[in-house]
Every structure is written in structure tokens, then in C-alpha cells.
């Protein structure tokens, strides 16, 4: 059983299909019983920007994308 959270980031040029594999990965993690927080960052598509998806997951509720404060 996993005891810590971890983050995975997927990125690519706009139109390369970053969102679809990210959605599949997030649903797989969720169906495995893990909690997650996902964040999509879309740059300007007009200028050929990039798309980034960051997923943070763990066995307990994940409320942010960074480290916990102590």
C-alpha cells in the first residue's frame, strides 16, 4: 500500500492529445482507490502554446499540488 503522495506531469504542444491520456490515467488512479487532484494549464493555443496536466495522488485526500506545510 502506498503511504505517500506523488505527482505526475504530462505536457505537449496544443493539439497533441495531452488531455485524453491524462483523463484515462486519472480515472485509473481513482478506480484503484486513490485520491487525486488534477490541474490543467493551457497556454495560448493561438500562439501554438503548450498544454500541461499535473496529477497529484495518494491514499488520503489530496488538497493541493505541493508539499504539505508542517
N, C-alpha and C. Protein backbone atom coordinates (compact mmCIF):
# COMPACT_ATOMS: atom_id res chain seq x y z
N UNK A 1 0.84 -1.19 0.00
CA UNK A 1 0.00 0.00 0.00
C UNK A 1 0.87 1.24 0.00
N UNK A 2 0.54 2.18 -0.84
CA UNK A 2 1.29 3.43 -0.95
C UNK A 2 0.99 4.30 0.28
N UNK A 3 2.05 4.90 0.86
CA UNK A 3 1.88 5.72 2.06
C UNK A 3 2.07 7.20 1.81
N UNK A 4 2.64 7.58 0.64
CA UNK A 4 2.90 8.97 0.35
C UNK A 4 2.18 9.39 -0.92
N UNK A 5 2.13 10.70 -1.13
CA UNK A 5 1.58 11.20 -2.38
C UNK A 5 2.70 11.31 -3.40
N UNK A 6 2.32 11.35 -4.66
CA UNK A 6 3.28 11.62 -5.72
C UNK A 6 2.58 12.37 -6.83
N UNK A 7 3.36 13.05 -7.65
CA UNK A 7 2.80 13.85 -8.74
C UNK A 7 3.36 13.38 -10.06
N UNK A 8 2.50 13.43 -11.08
CA UNK A 8 2.87 13.08 -12.45
C UNK A 8 2.46 14.26 -13.33
N UNK A 9 3.35 14.68 -14.21
CA UNK A 9 3.04 15.78 -15.13
C UNK A 9 3.16 15.28 -16.56
N UNK A 10 2.19 15.67 -17.37
CA UNK A 10 2.18 15.34 -18.79
C UNK A 10 2.08 16.66 -19.55
N UNK A 11 2.90 16.83 -20.56
CA UNK A 11 2.88 18.08 -21.31
C UNK A 11 3.12 17.85 -22.78
N UNK A 12 2.69 18.79 -23.59
CA UNK A 12 2.91 18.71 -25.02
C UNK A 12 2.34 19.92 -25.71
N UNK A 13 2.61 20.01 -26.97
CA UNK A 13 2.09 21.12 -27.76
C UNK A 13 0.57 21.01 -27.86
N UNK A 14 -0.08 22.14 -27.94
CA UNK A 14 -1.53 22.15 -28.08
C UNK A 14 -1.93 21.33 -29.29
N UNK A 15 -2.91 20.47 -29.12
CA UNK A 15 -3.39 19.63 -30.21
C UNK A 15 -2.75 18.26 -30.28
N UNK A 16 -1.77 17.99 -29.41
CA UNK A 16 -1.13 16.68 -29.42
C UNK A 16 -1.89 15.61 -28.64
N UNK A 17 -2.95 15.98 -27.98
CA UNK A 17 -3.74 14.99 -27.26
C UNK A 17 -3.26 14.71 -25.86
N UNK A 18 -2.85 15.72 -25.14
CA UNK A 18 -2.38 15.56 -23.77
C UNK A 18 -3.55 15.28 -22.82
N UNK A 19 -4.69 15.86 -23.07
CA UNK A 19 -5.83 15.75 -22.16
C UNK A 19 -6.37 14.32 -22.08
N UNK A 20 -6.46 13.62 -23.19
CA UNK A 20 -7.07 12.28 -23.20
C UNK A 20 -6.28 11.28 -22.37
N UNK A 21 -4.97 11.11 -22.57
CA UNK A 21 -4.25 10.17 -21.72
C UNK A 21 -4.25 10.60 -20.26
N UNK A 22 -4.26 11.91 -20.01
CA UNK A 22 -4.32 12.39 -18.63
C UNK A 22 -5.63 12.00 -17.97
N UNK A 23 -6.74 12.13 -18.69
CA UNK A 23 -8.04 11.72 -18.15
C UNK A 23 -8.08 10.22 -17.88
N UNK A 24 -7.54 9.43 -18.78
CA UNK A 24 -7.51 7.98 -18.60
C UNK A 24 -6.67 7.61 -17.38
N UNK A 25 -5.50 8.24 -17.24
CA UNK A 25 -4.63 7.97 -16.11
C UNK A 25 -5.31 8.36 -14.79
N UNK A 26 -5.97 9.52 -14.77
CA UNK A 26 -6.66 9.97 -13.56
C UNK A 26 -7.78 9.00 -13.18
N UNK A 27 -8.56 8.55 -14.15
CA UNK A 27 -9.64 7.59 -13.87
C UNK A 27 -9.09 6.26 -13.38
N UNK A 28 -7.95 5.85 -13.91
CA UNK A 28 -7.32 4.60 -13.46
C UNK A 28 -6.88 4.72 -12.00
N UNK A 29 -6.26 5.84 -11.65
CA UNK A 29 -5.85 6.06 -10.26
C UNK A 29 -7.05 6.07 -9.33
N UNK A 30 -8.10 6.75 -9.75
CA UNK A 30 -9.30 6.85 -8.92
C UNK A 30 -9.97 5.50 -8.75
N UNK A 31 -10.03 4.71 -9.81
CA UNK A 31 -10.67 3.39 -9.69
C UNK A 31 -9.82 2.43 -8.86
N UNK A 32 -8.53 2.77 -8.66
CA UNK A 32 -7.66 1.98 -7.81
C UNK A 32 -7.81 2.35 -6.34
N UNK A 33 -8.69 3.31 -6.06
CA UNK A 33 -8.95 3.70 -4.68
C UNK A 33 -8.11 4.85 -4.18
N UNK A 34 -7.36 5.50 -5.06
CA UNK A 34 -6.53 6.63 -4.65
C UNK A 34 -7.28 7.94 -4.81
N UNK A 35 -6.92 8.91 -4.01
CA UNK A 35 -7.47 10.26 -4.12
C UNK A 35 -6.55 11.04 -5.04
N UNK A 36 -7.09 12.06 -5.71
CA UNK A 36 -6.23 12.83 -6.59
C UNK A 36 -6.71 14.26 -6.74
N UNK A 37 -5.77 15.08 -7.19
CA UNK A 37 -6.03 16.47 -7.51
C UNK A 37 -5.36 16.70 -8.86
N UNK A 38 -6.11 17.15 -9.83
CA UNK A 38 -5.57 17.36 -11.18
C UNK A 38 -5.66 18.83 -11.54
N UNK A 39 -4.66 19.30 -12.26
CA UNK A 39 -4.61 20.69 -12.69
C UNK A 39 -4.20 20.76 -14.15
N UNK A 40 -5.03 21.38 -14.97
CA UNK A 40 -4.72 21.61 -16.39
C UNK A 40 -4.25 23.04 -16.56
N UNK A 41 -3.14 23.21 -17.27
CA UNK A 41 -2.64 24.55 -17.59
C UNK A 41 -2.60 24.67 -19.10
N UNK A 42 -3.39 25.58 -19.63
CA UNK A 42 -3.46 25.81 -21.07
C UNK A 42 -2.78 27.13 -21.41
N UNK A 43 -1.77 27.09 -22.22
CA UNK A 43 -1.14 28.30 -22.73
C UNK A 43 -1.96 28.79 -23.92
N UNK A 44 -1.59 29.88 -24.50
CA UNK A 44 -2.30 30.43 -25.63
C UNK A 44 -2.23 29.46 -26.82
N UNK A 45 -3.37 28.91 -27.19
CA UNK A 45 -3.41 27.98 -28.31
C UNK A 45 -3.21 28.74 -29.63
N UNK A 46 -3.60 29.99 -29.67
CA UNK A 46 -3.45 30.81 -30.88
C UNK A 46 -1.97 30.93 -31.24
N UNK A 47 -1.13 31.08 -30.24
CA UNK A 47 0.30 31.24 -30.49
C UNK A 47 1.04 29.90 -30.50
N UNK A 48 0.32 28.80 -30.49
CA UNK A 48 0.97 27.48 -30.51
C UNK A 48 1.54 27.09 -29.17
N UNK A 49 0.87 27.48 -28.10
CA UNK A 49 1.34 27.21 -26.75
C UNK A 49 1.28 25.74 -26.38
N UNK A 50 1.72 25.44 -25.18
CA UNK A 50 1.73 24.08 -24.68
C UNK A 50 0.61 23.86 -23.68
N UNK A 51 0.25 22.59 -23.49
CA UNK A 51 -0.74 22.17 -22.51
C UNK A 51 -0.03 21.29 -21.50
N UNK A 52 -0.31 21.52 -20.22
CA UNK A 52 0.29 20.73 -19.16
C UNK A 52 -0.80 20.19 -18.25
N UNK A 53 -0.69 18.94 -17.87
CA UNK A 53 -1.60 18.33 -16.90
C UNK A 53 -0.75 17.77 -15.79
N UNK A 54 -1.04 18.18 -14.56
CA UNK A 54 -0.34 17.67 -13.39
C UNK A 54 -1.36 16.96 -12.51
N UNK A 55 -1.05 15.73 -12.12
CA UNK A 55 -1.92 14.94 -11.25
C UNK A 55 -1.13 14.60 -10.00
N UNK A 56 -1.66 14.95 -8.85
CA UNK A 56 -1.07 14.56 -7.57
C UNK A 56 -2.02 13.56 -6.94
N UNK A 57 -1.50 12.42 -6.50
CA UNK A 57 -2.34 11.35 -5.99
C UNK A 57 -1.75 10.74 -4.73
N UNK A 58 -2.60 10.11 -3.95
CA UNK A 58 -2.16 9.46 -2.72
C UNK A 58 -3.31 8.73 -2.06
N UNK A 59 -3.01 8.00 -0.98
CA UNK A 59 -4.03 7.19 -0.31
C UNK A 59 -5.02 8.02 0.52
N UNK A 60 -4.64 9.26 0.88
CA UNK A 60 -5.52 10.15 1.64
C UNK A 60 -5.92 11.33 0.77
N UNK A 61 -6.89 12.10 1.24
CA UNK A 61 -7.38 13.24 0.47
C UNK A 61 -6.23 14.17 0.08
N UNK A 62 -6.17 14.54 -1.19
CA UNK A 62 -5.14 15.43 -1.72
C UNK A 62 -5.79 16.78 -1.96
N UNK A 63 -5.33 17.79 -1.23
CA UNK A 63 -5.99 19.10 -1.29
C UNK A 63 -5.18 20.16 -2.03
N UNK A 64 -3.95 19.85 -2.42
CA UNK A 64 -3.15 20.84 -3.13
C UNK A 64 -2.14 20.15 -4.04
N UNK A 65 -1.41 20.92 -4.81
CA UNK A 65 -0.45 20.35 -5.75
C UNK A 65 0.97 20.32 -5.21
N UNK A 66 1.20 20.90 -4.02
CA UNK A 66 2.55 20.98 -3.47
C UNK A 66 2.72 20.18 -2.20
N UNK A 67 3.86 20.38 -1.58
CA UNK A 67 4.15 19.70 -0.32
C UNK A 67 3.28 20.24 0.79
N UNK A 68 3.06 19.40 1.77
CA UNK A 68 2.28 19.84 2.94
C UNK A 68 3.11 20.79 3.78
N UNK A 69 2.45 21.75 4.38
CA UNK A 69 3.15 22.61 5.33
C UNK A 69 3.06 21.95 6.70
N UNK A 70 4.10 22.12 7.48
CA UNK A 70 4.13 21.47 8.80
C UNK A 70 3.77 22.41 9.89
